[in-house]
C-alpha cells in the first residue's frame, strides 16, 4: 500500500510541477525532491532510496536529458535523508527546514557535478538559484509535513463536531 502512495505522490508532484512552473520562476521549487525527502524522513532510508530512484528516473525520462543523472542524485539524497530521519529527531519545523534545505543543496551538487564532471554542460556559479530553490523546497516540505500531520486529527474533529451537533 505504501508503494501505491509513493507512486501517486510522485506522479502528482510531477504533474503539479510541470503545471506550476509556467507561473513560477523556473526551478523555484522541486516538488519531486520534496516527495523524496518527505518519504525518506517519514519512513526510512530504503524507502527514501527507492523513492529517489523512481522519481529521479521518471524526471530524467520526461526531461530528455541524460538518463540517470537526476535518478542518481535523488537516490543519494533519499538515502541520506532517510539516514538522518532514523538517526536524529527530525520532528520540529526548524530541523525539517534544515534537512529539506541541505537535501536540495546536495541534490544540486550531485546533479550539476555529474554534468560538469562528464563535460556535458556548464552551469557557472548557480549559488543564488540553489539557495532560492533550497528555501522554496524547505518551506513547501515543512508545510507538507504540517498538513499531513493535521489531516487525521481534522477528520476526527469534524466527526466529533457532527456527532455533537446531531444530539
N, C-alpha and C. Protein backbone atom coordinates (compact mmCIF):
# COMPACT_ATOMS: atom_id res chain seq x y z
N UNK A 1 0.83 -1.20 0.00
CA UNK A 1 0.00 0.00 0.00
C UNK A 1 0.87 1.26 0.00
N UNK A 2 1.99 1.20 0.74
CA UNK A 2 2.88 2.35 0.79
C UNK A 2 3.45 2.68 -0.58
N UNK A 3 3.74 1.63 -1.36
CA UNK A 3 4.29 1.84 -2.71
C UNK A 3 3.29 2.57 -3.59
N UNK A 4 2.02 2.27 -3.43
CA UNK A 4 1.00 2.96 -4.22
C UNK A 4 0.95 4.44 -3.88
N UNK A 5 1.08 4.77 -2.58
CA UNK A 5 1.08 6.17 -2.18
C UNK A 5 2.31 6.91 -2.70
N UNK A 6 3.45 6.22 -2.70
CA UNK A 6 4.69 6.82 -3.22
C UNK A 6 4.54 7.10 -4.71
N UNK A 7 4.01 6.13 -5.45
CA UNK A 7 3.79 6.33 -6.88
C UNK A 7 2.82 7.47 -7.15
N UNK A 8 1.74 7.50 -6.39
CA UNK A 8 0.74 8.55 -6.55
C UNK A 8 1.31 9.92 -6.20
N UNK A 9 2.05 10.00 -5.10
CA UNK A 9 2.65 11.28 -4.69
C UNK A 9 3.67 11.76 -5.71
N UNK A 10 4.46 10.84 -6.25
CA UNK A 10 5.46 11.22 -7.25
C UNK A 10 4.78 11.70 -8.52
N UNK A 11 3.76 10.98 -8.97
CA UNK A 11 3.03 11.39 -10.17
C UNK A 11 2.36 12.75 -9.96
N UNK A 12 1.77 12.95 -8.79
CA UNK A 12 1.13 14.23 -8.50
C UNK A 12 2.16 15.36 -8.46
N UNK A 13 3.31 15.10 -7.86
CA UNK A 13 4.36 16.13 -7.79
C UNK A 13 4.85 16.51 -9.18
N UNK A 14 5.04 15.52 -10.04
CA UNK A 14 5.49 15.81 -11.41
C UNK A 14 4.42 16.59 -12.16
N UNK A 15 3.16 16.17 -12.02
CA UNK A 15 2.07 16.87 -12.71
C UNK A 15 1.93 18.31 -12.22
N UNK A 16 1.98 18.50 -10.91
CA UNK A 16 1.85 19.85 -10.36
C UNK A 16 3.04 20.71 -10.75
N UNK A 17 4.23 20.14 -10.68
CA UNK A 17 5.43 20.92 -11.00
C UNK A 17 5.44 21.36 -12.46
N UNK A 18 5.06 20.47 -13.37
CA UNK A 18 5.05 20.86 -14.78
C UNK A 18 3.98 21.90 -15.06
N UNK A 19 2.91 21.89 -14.29
CA UNK A 19 1.85 22.89 -14.46
C UNK A 19 2.23 24.22 -13.82
N UNK A 20 2.77 24.19 -12.62
CA UNK A 20 3.05 25.41 -11.86
C UNK A 20 4.31 26.12 -12.37
N UNK A 21 5.24 25.38 -12.97
CA UNK A 21 6.48 26.01 -13.47
C UNK A 21 6.23 27.10 -14.50
N UNK A 22 5.07 27.08 -15.12
CA UNK A 22 4.74 28.12 -16.09
C UNK A 22 4.57 29.48 -15.42
N UNK A 23 4.09 29.49 -14.18
CA UNK A 23 3.80 30.74 -13.49
C UNK A 23 4.87 31.14 -12.49
N UNK A 24 5.61 30.19 -11.97
CA UNK A 24 6.67 30.50 -11.01
C UNK A 24 7.99 30.66 -11.73
N UNK A 25 8.94 31.22 -11.04
CA UNK A 25 10.30 31.29 -11.60
C UNK A 25 10.80 29.86 -11.80
N UNK A 26 11.47 29.64 -12.90
CA UNK A 26 11.92 28.28 -13.24
C UNK A 26 12.82 27.74 -12.13
N UNK A 27 12.47 26.57 -11.62
CA UNK A 27 13.28 25.91 -10.62
C UNK A 27 13.15 26.46 -9.22
N UNK A 28 12.11 27.23 -8.93
CA UNK A 28 11.95 27.79 -7.59
C UNK A 28 11.66 26.70 -6.56
N UNK A 29 10.96 25.65 -6.97
CA UNK A 29 10.63 24.54 -6.08
C UNK A 29 10.73 23.25 -6.88
N UNK A 30 11.35 22.24 -6.29
CA UNK A 30 11.43 20.91 -6.90
C UNK A 30 10.52 20.00 -6.08
N UNK A 31 9.26 19.89 -6.50
CA UNK A 31 8.28 19.12 -5.75
C UNK A 31 8.63 17.64 -5.70
N UNK A 32 9.28 17.15 -6.74
CA UNK A 32 9.68 15.74 -6.75
C UNK A 32 10.70 15.48 -5.64
N UNK A 33 11.64 16.40 -5.47
CA UNK A 33 12.62 16.26 -4.39
C UNK A 33 11.94 16.35 -3.03
N UNK A 34 10.93 17.19 -2.91
CA UNK A 34 10.18 17.30 -1.66
C UNK A 34 9.51 15.95 -1.34
N UNK A 35 8.94 15.29 -2.34
CA UNK A 35 8.32 13.98 -2.13
C UNK A 35 9.37 12.96 -1.69
N UNK A 36 10.53 13.00 -2.33
CA UNK A 36 11.59 12.05 -1.98
C UNK A 36 12.03 12.25 -0.53
N UNK A 37 12.31 13.48 -0.15
CA UNK A 37 12.79 13.76 1.20
C UNK A 37 11.69 13.48 2.23
N UNK A 38 10.46 13.83 1.91
CA UNK A 38 9.36 13.54 2.83
C UNK A 38 9.26 12.04 3.09
N UNK A 39 9.26 11.24 2.02
CA UNK A 39 9.17 9.78 2.20
C UNK A 39 10.36 9.23 2.96
N UNK A 40 11.53 9.78 2.72
CA UNK A 40 12.72 9.32 3.44
C UNK A 40 12.62 9.65 4.93
N UNK A 41 12.15 10.83 5.26
CA UNK A 41 12.04 11.22 6.67
C UNK A 41 10.89 10.51 7.36
N UNK A 42 9.79 10.30 6.65
CA UNK A 42 8.62 9.68 7.26
C UNK A 42 8.77 8.17 7.38
N UNK A 43 9.61 7.57 6.55
CA UNK A 43 9.74 6.11 6.57
C UNK A 43 11.13 5.71 7.03
N UNK A 44 12.01 5.46 6.06
CA UNK A 44 13.36 5.04 6.40
C UNK A 44 14.25 5.23 5.19
N UNK A 45 15.51 4.83 5.31
CA UNK A 45 16.47 5.08 4.24
C UNK A 45 16.20 4.27 2.98
N UNK A 46 15.71 3.04 3.12
CA UNK A 46 15.44 2.23 1.93
C UNK A 46 14.27 2.81 1.15
N UNK A 47 13.25 3.27 1.85
CA UNK A 47 12.12 3.91 1.18
C UNK A 47 12.59 5.18 0.48
N UNK A 48 13.44 5.95 1.13
CA UNK A 48 13.99 7.15 0.50
C UNK A 48 14.81 6.82 -0.73
N UNK A 49 15.61 5.77 -0.63
CA UNK A 49 16.43 5.34 -1.76
C UNK A 49 15.56 4.93 -2.94
N UNK A 50 14.56 4.10 -2.69
CA UNK A 50 13.70 3.62 -3.77
C UNK A 50 12.84 4.75 -4.36
N UNK A 51 12.34 5.62 -3.50
CA UNK A 51 11.57 6.76 -3.98
C UNK A 51 12.44 7.67 -4.82
N UNK A 52 13.65 7.93 -4.36
CA UNK A 52 14.57 8.77 -5.12
C UNK A 52 14.93 8.17 -6.46
N UNK A 53 15.16 6.86 -6.48
CA UNK A 53 15.48 6.19 -7.75
C UNK A 53 14.34 6.32 -8.75
N UNK A 54 13.14 5.98 -8.29
CA UNK A 54 11.98 6.03 -9.17
C UNK A 54 11.70 7.46 -9.64
N UNK A 55 11.64 8.39 -8.69
CA UNK A 55 11.29 9.76 -9.04
C UNK A 55 12.35 10.39 -9.95
N UNK A 56 13.61 10.15 -9.64
CA UNK A 56 14.68 10.71 -10.46
C UNK A 56 14.69 10.16 -11.87
N UNK A 57 14.45 8.86 -12.01
CA UNK A 57 14.42 8.26 -13.34
C UNK A 57 13.22 8.76 -14.15
N UNK A 58 12.09 8.93 -13.48
CA UNK A 58 10.93 9.49 -14.18
C UNK A 58 11.23 10.91 -14.64
N UNK A 59 11.86 11.70 -13.79
CA UNK A 59 12.25 13.06 -14.18
C UNK A 59 13.22 13.04 -15.35
N UNK A 60 14.17 12.12 -15.32
CA UNK A 60 15.13 12.00 -16.42
C UNK A 60 14.43 11.67 -17.74
N UNK A 61 13.51 10.74 -17.69
CA UNK A 61 12.80 10.34 -18.90
C UNK A 61 11.99 11.51 -19.46
N UNK A 62 11.32 12.25 -18.57
CA UNK A 62 10.48 13.35 -19.03
C UNK A 62 11.27 14.59 -19.44
N UNK A 63 12.48 14.75 -18.92
CA UNK A 63 13.25 15.96 -19.23
C UNK A 63 14.02 15.84 -20.53
N UNK A 64 14.29 14.64 -20.97
CA UNK A 64 15.03 14.46 -22.20
C UNK A 64 16.53 14.63 -22.05
N UNK A 65 17.01 14.75 -20.82
CA UNK A 65 18.44 14.87 -20.56
C UNK A 65 19.10 13.51 -20.52
N UNK A 66 20.27 13.47 -19.95
CA UNK A 66 20.99 12.21 -19.81
C UNK A 66 20.27 11.35 -18.78
N UNK A 67 19.93 10.15 -19.18
CA UNK A 67 19.18 9.25 -18.31
C UNK A 67 20.05 8.79 -17.14
N UNK A 68 19.58 9.05 -15.94
CA UNK A 68 20.27 8.60 -14.74
C UNK A 68 20.87 9.69 -13.89
N UNK A 69 21.01 10.90 -14.43
CA UNK A 69 21.63 11.98 -13.64
C UNK A 69 20.74 12.37 -12.45
N UNK A 70 19.49 12.71 -12.72
CA UNK A 70 18.58 13.06 -11.63
C UNK A 70 18.28 11.82 -10.78
N UNK A 71 18.24 10.66 -11.43
CA UNK A 71 18.00 9.43 -10.69
C UNK A 71 19.06 9.16 -9.64
N UNK A 72 20.31 9.31 -10.03
CA UNK A 72 21.40 9.09 -9.08
C UNK A 72 21.40 10.15 -7.98
N UNK A 73 21.20 11.40 -8.36
CA UNK A 73 21.20 12.48 -7.37
C UNK A 73 20.09 12.28 -6.35
N UNK A 74 18.89 11.99 -6.81
CA UNK A 74 17.76 11.82 -5.89
C UNK A 74 17.87 10.52 -5.09
N UNK A 75 18.51 9.49 -5.65
CA UNK A 75 18.73 8.26 -4.90
C UNK A 75 19.64 8.51 -3.71
N UNK A 76 20.74 9.21 -3.94
CA UNK A 76 21.68 9.52 -2.86
C UNK A 76 21.01 10.41 -1.82
N UNK A 77 20.28 11.42 -2.28
CA UNK A 77 19.61 12.34 -1.35
C UNK A 77 18.56 11.60 -0.53
N UNK A 78 17.76 10.76 -1.18
CA UNK A 78 16.74 10.00 -0.46
C UNK A 78 17.33 9.08 0.59
N UNK A 79 18.42 8.41 0.24
CA UNK A 79 19.08 7.51 1.18
C UNK A 79 19.64 8.28 2.38
N UNK A 80 20.35 9.36 2.10
CA UNK A 80 20.94 10.15 3.19
C UNK A 80 19.88 10.82 4.06
N UNK A 81 18.80 11.28 3.44
CA UNK A 81 17.71 11.88 4.23
C UNK A 81 17.06 10.82 5.11
N UNK A 82 16.95 9.60 4.60
CA UNK A 82 16.42 8.51 5.41
C UNK A 82 17.31 8.18 6.59
N UNK A 83 18.62 8.23 6.39
CA UNK A 83 19.56 8.02 7.50
C UNK A 83 19.40 9.13 8.54
N UNK A 84 19.31 10.37 8.08
CA UNK A 84 19.12 11.49 9.00
C UNK A 84 17.82 11.32 9.78
N UNK A 85 16.75 10.89 9.09
CA UNK A 85 15.46 10.70 9.74
C UNK A 85 15.46 9.59 10.78
N UNK A 86 16.30 8.57 10.60
CA UNK A 86 16.34 7.48 11.57
C UNK A 86 17.35 7.71 12.69
N UNK A 87 18.39 8.49 12.43
CA UNK A 87 19.44 8.70 13.43
C UNK A 87 19.20 9.93 14.32
N UNK A 88 18.44 10.88 13.82
CA UNK A 88 18.20 12.11 14.56
C UNK A 88 16.70 12.34 14.72
N UNK A 89 16.35 13.16 15.68
CA UNK A 89 14.95 13.51 15.89
C UNK A 89 14.64 14.70 14.98
N UNK A 90 13.87 14.42 13.94
CA UNK A 90 13.55 15.45 12.96
C UNK A 90 12.03 15.65 12.99
N UNK A 91 11.54 16.16 14.12
CA UNK A 91 10.10 16.35 14.27
C UNK A 91 9.70 17.81 14.34
N UNK A 92 10.63 18.70 14.59
CA UNK A 92 10.31 20.12 14.66
C UNK A 92 10.47 20.77 13.29
N UNK A 93 9.75 21.84 13.10
CA UNK A 93 9.77 22.52 11.80
C UNK A 93 11.16 23.02 11.44
N UNK A 94 11.90 23.52 12.42
CA UNK A 94 13.23 24.06 12.13
C UNK A 94 14.18 22.96 11.66
N UNK A 95 14.14 21.81 12.30
CA UNK A 95 15.03 20.72 11.88
C UNK A 95 14.61 20.17 10.52
N UNK A 96 13.32 20.11 10.26
CA UNK A 96 12.86 19.69 8.93
C UNK A 96 13.26 20.69 7.86
N UNK A 97 13.18 21.96 8.18
CA UNK A 97 13.59 23.01 7.24
C UNK A 97 15.05 22.81 6.85
N UNK A 98 15.89 22.58 7.83
CA UNK A 98 17.32 22.38 7.57
C UNK A 98 17.55 21.14 6.70
N UNK A 99 16.84 20.05 6.99
CA UNK A 99 17.02 18.82 6.22
C UNK A 99 16.59 19.04 4.77
N UNK A 100 15.45 19.67 4.55
CA UNK A 100 15.00 19.93 3.18
C UNK A 100 15.97 20.86 2.45
N UNK A 101 16.46 21.88 3.14
CA UNK A 101 17.40 22.81 2.51
C UNK A 101 18.70 22.09 2.12
N UNK A 102 19.26 21.35 3.06
CA UNK A 102 20.52 20.64 2.78
C UNK A 102 20.33 19.55 1.72
N UNK A 103 19.18 18.92 1.70
CA UNK A 103 18.90 17.92 0.67
C UNK A 103 18.87 18.56 -0.71
N UNK A 104 18.32 19.76 -0.80
CA UNK A 104 18.29 20.48 -2.07
C UNK A 104 19.69 20.85 -2.52
N UNK A 105 20.50 21.31 -1.59
CA UNK A 105 21.88 21.67 -1.94
C UNK A 105 22.65 20.42 -2.39
N UNK A 106 22.50 19.32 -1.67
CA UNK A 106 23.19 18.09 -2.05
C UNK A 106 22.73 17.59 -3.41
N UNK A 107 21.43 17.65 -3.66
CA UNK A 107 20.89 17.25 -4.96
C UNK A 107 21.50 18.08 -6.08
N UNK A 108 21.59 19.38 -5.88
CA UNK A 108 22.17 20.26 -6.90
C UNK A 108 23.66 19.98 -7.10
N UNK A 109 24.37 19.75 -6.00
CA UNK A 109 25.81 19.47 -6.10
C UNK A 109 26.04 18.18 -6.90
N UNK A 110 25.28 17.14 -6.60
CA UNK A 110 25.46 15.87 -7.30
C UNK A 110 25.05 16.00 -8.76
N UNK A 111 23.87 16.57 -9.01
CA UNK A 111 23.35 16.69 -10.37
C UNK A 111 24.27 17.55 -11.24
N UNK A 112 24.58 18.75 -10.77
CA UNK A 112 25.43 19.64 -11.56
C UNK A 112 26.87 19.13 -11.62
N UNK A 113 27.31 18.53 -10.53
CA UNK A 113 28.66 17.99 -10.50
C UNK A 113 28.86 16.88 -11.52
N UNK A 114 27.87 16.01 -11.66
CA UNK A 114 27.97 14.94 -12.65
C UNK A 114 28.02 15.50 -14.07
N UNK A 115 27.18 16.47 -14.36
CA UNK A 115 27.20 17.08 -15.69
C UNK A 115 28.54 17.76 -15.96
N UNK A 116 29.05 18.49 -14.96
CA UNK A 116 30.34 19.17 -15.12
C UNK A 116 31.48 18.15 -15.25
N UNK A 117 31.44 17.12 -14.44
CA UNK A 117 32.49 16.11 -14.44
C UNK A 117 32.59 15.39 -15.79
N UNK A 118 31.43 15.13 -16.38
CA UNK A 118 31.40 14.46 -17.68
C UNK A 118 31.56 15.43 -18.86
N UNK A 119 31.62 16.72 -18.56
CA UNK A 119 31.79 17.72 -19.61
C UNK A 119 30.58 17.88 -20.51
N UNK A 120 29.40 17.59 -19.99
CA UNK A 120 28.19 17.66 -20.81
C UNK A 120 27.51 19.03 -20.77
N UNK A 121 27.73 19.76 -19.68
CA UNK A 121 27.06 21.05 -19.52
C UNK A 121 27.82 21.86 -18.49
N UNK A 122 27.83 23.18 -18.69
CA UNK A 122 28.47 24.08 -17.73
C UNK A 122 27.38 24.93 -17.08
N UNK A 123 27.40 24.98 -15.76
CA UNK A 123 26.36 25.69 -15.03
C UNK A 123 26.81 27.05 -14.51
N UNK A 124 28.06 27.37 -14.54
CA UNK A 124 28.53 28.63 -13.98
C UNK A 124 28.56 28.56 -12.47
N UNK A 125 28.07 29.59 -11.84
CA UNK A 125 28.01 29.65 -10.37
C UNK A 125 26.56 29.88 -9.94
N UNK A 126 25.78 28.82 -9.85
CA UNK A 126 24.35 28.96 -9.56
C UNK A 126 24.02 29.00 -8.06
N UNK A 127 24.86 29.66 -7.28
CA UNK A 127 24.68 29.64 -5.82
C UNK A 127 23.35 30.26 -5.40
N UNK A 128 22.99 31.39 -5.99
CA UNK A 128 21.74 32.05 -5.62
C UNK A 128 20.54 31.21 -6.02
N UNK A 129 20.58 30.62 -7.20
CA UNK A 129 19.45 29.80 -7.66
C UNK A 129 19.27 28.57 -6.77
N UNK A 130 20.37 27.95 -6.38
CA UNK A 130 20.28 26.78 -5.50
C UNK A 130 19.77 27.20 -4.12
N UNK A 131 20.21 28.34 -3.63
CA UNK A 131 19.74 28.81 -2.32
C UNK A 131 18.25 29.12 -2.36
N UNK A 132 17.78 29.76 -3.43
CA UNK A 132 16.35 30.07 -3.56
C UNK A 132 15.54 28.78 -3.64
N UNK A 133 16.03 27.82 -4.43
CA UNK A 133 15.32 26.55 -4.52
C UNK A 133 15.35 25.81 -3.19
N UNK A 134 16.46 25.91 -2.47
CA UNK A 134 16.55 25.28 -1.16
C UNK A 134 15.54 25.84 -0.18
N UNK A 135 15.41 27.15 -0.16
CA UNK A 135 14.43 27.79 0.73
C UNK A 135 13.01 27.42 0.30
N UNK A 136 12.76 27.45 -1.01
CA UNK A 136 11.43 27.07 -1.51
C UNK A 136 11.08 25.64 -1.17
N UNK A 137 12.00 24.72 -1.40
CA UNK A 137 11.76 23.32 -1.05
C UNK A 137 11.55 23.13 0.44
N UNK A 138 12.33 23.85 1.23
CA UNK A 138 12.22 23.72 2.68
C UNK A 138 10.86 24.22 3.18
N UNK A 139 10.42 25.35 2.65
CA UNK A 139 9.12 25.89 3.06
C UNK A 139 8.00 24.94 2.65
N UNK A 140 8.02 24.49 1.40
CA UNK A 140 6.98 23.56 0.93
C UNK A 140 7.05 22.25 1.71
N UNK A 141 8.25 21.73 1.97
CA UNK A 141 8.39 20.48 2.71
C UNK A 141 7.84 20.57 4.12
N UNK A 142 8.14 21.65 4.81
CA UNK A 142 7.63 21.83 6.18
C UNK A 142 6.11 21.95 6.15
N UNK A 143 5.57 22.68 5.16
CA UNK A 143 4.11 22.81 5.05
C UNK A 143 3.45 21.47 4.75
N UNK A 144 4.07 20.67 3.90
CA UNK A 144 3.53 19.34 3.60
C UNK A 144 3.48 18.49 4.86
N UNK A 145 4.55 18.51 5.64
CA UNK A 145 4.56 17.77 6.90
C UNK A 145 3.44 18.25 7.81
N UNK A 146 3.27 19.55 7.95
CA UNK A 146 2.23 20.11 8.83
C UNK A 146 0.84 19.69 8.38
N UNK A 147 0.58 19.80 7.08
CA UNK A 147 -0.74 19.44 6.55
C UNK A 147 -1.02 17.96 6.76
N UNK A 148 -0.06 17.11 6.46
CA UNK A 148 -0.27 15.67 6.60
C UNK A 148 -0.44 15.28 8.07
N UNK A 149 0.26 15.96 8.95
CA UNK A 149 0.11 15.67 10.38
C UNK A 149 -1.23 16.15 10.91
N UNK A 150 -1.79 17.22 10.34
CA UNK A 150 -3.07 17.76 10.82
C UNK A 150 -4.28 17.03 10.24
N UNK A 151 -4.14 16.38 9.09
CA UNK A 151 -5.29 15.78 8.43
C UNK A 151 -6.01 14.73 9.27
N UNK A 152 -5.34 13.73 9.85
CA UNK A 152 -6.10 12.74 10.63
C UNK A 152 -6.86 13.37 11.80
N UNK A 153 -6.26 14.31 12.47
CA UNK A 153 -6.95 14.98 13.57
C UNK A 153 -8.11 15.82 13.09
N UNK A 154 -7.99 16.41 11.91
CA UNK A 154 -9.07 17.24 11.37
C UNK A 154 -10.29 16.40 11.05
N UNK A 155 -10.08 15.22 10.50
CA UNK A 155 -11.21 14.33 10.19
C UNK A 155 -11.90 13.89 11.47
N UNK A 156 -11.12 13.54 12.48
CA UNK A 156 -11.71 13.13 13.76
C UNK A 156 -12.45 14.27 14.43
N UNK A 157 -11.88 15.48 14.39
CA UNK A 157 -12.56 16.63 15.00
C UNK A 157 -13.87 16.95 14.29
N UNK A 158 -13.89 16.81 12.97
CA UNK A 158 -15.11 17.08 12.21
C UNK A 158 -16.19 16.06 12.55
N UNK A 159 -15.81 14.79 12.68
CA UNK A 159 -16.79 13.77 13.06
C UNK A 159 -17.33 14.03 14.45
N UNK A 160 -16.46 14.43 15.36
CA UNK A 160 -16.91 14.71 16.73
C UNK A 160 -17.84 15.91 16.75
N UNK A 161 -17.54 16.93 15.96
CA UNK A 161 -18.42 18.10 15.89
C UNK A 161 -19.78 17.73 15.31
N UNK A 162 -19.80 16.89 14.31
CA UNK A 162 -21.08 16.46 13.72
C UNK A 162 -21.90 15.66 14.72
N UNK A 163 -21.23 14.79 15.47
CA UNK A 163 -21.97 13.97 16.44
C UNK A 163 -22.52 14.85 17.57
N UNK A 164 -21.80 15.88 17.97
CA UNK A 164 -22.32 16.80 18.99
C UNK A 164 -23.48 17.62 18.44
N UNK A 165 -23.43 17.97 17.17
CA UNK A 165 -24.47 18.77 16.55
C UNK A 165 -25.77 17.98 16.41
N UNK A 166 -25.68 16.68 16.18
CA UNK A 166 -26.84 15.83 15.97
C UNK A 166 -27.59 15.55 17.25
N UNK A 167 -26.96 15.70 18.38
CA UNK A 167 -27.60 15.37 19.67
C UNK A 167 -28.65 16.34 20.01
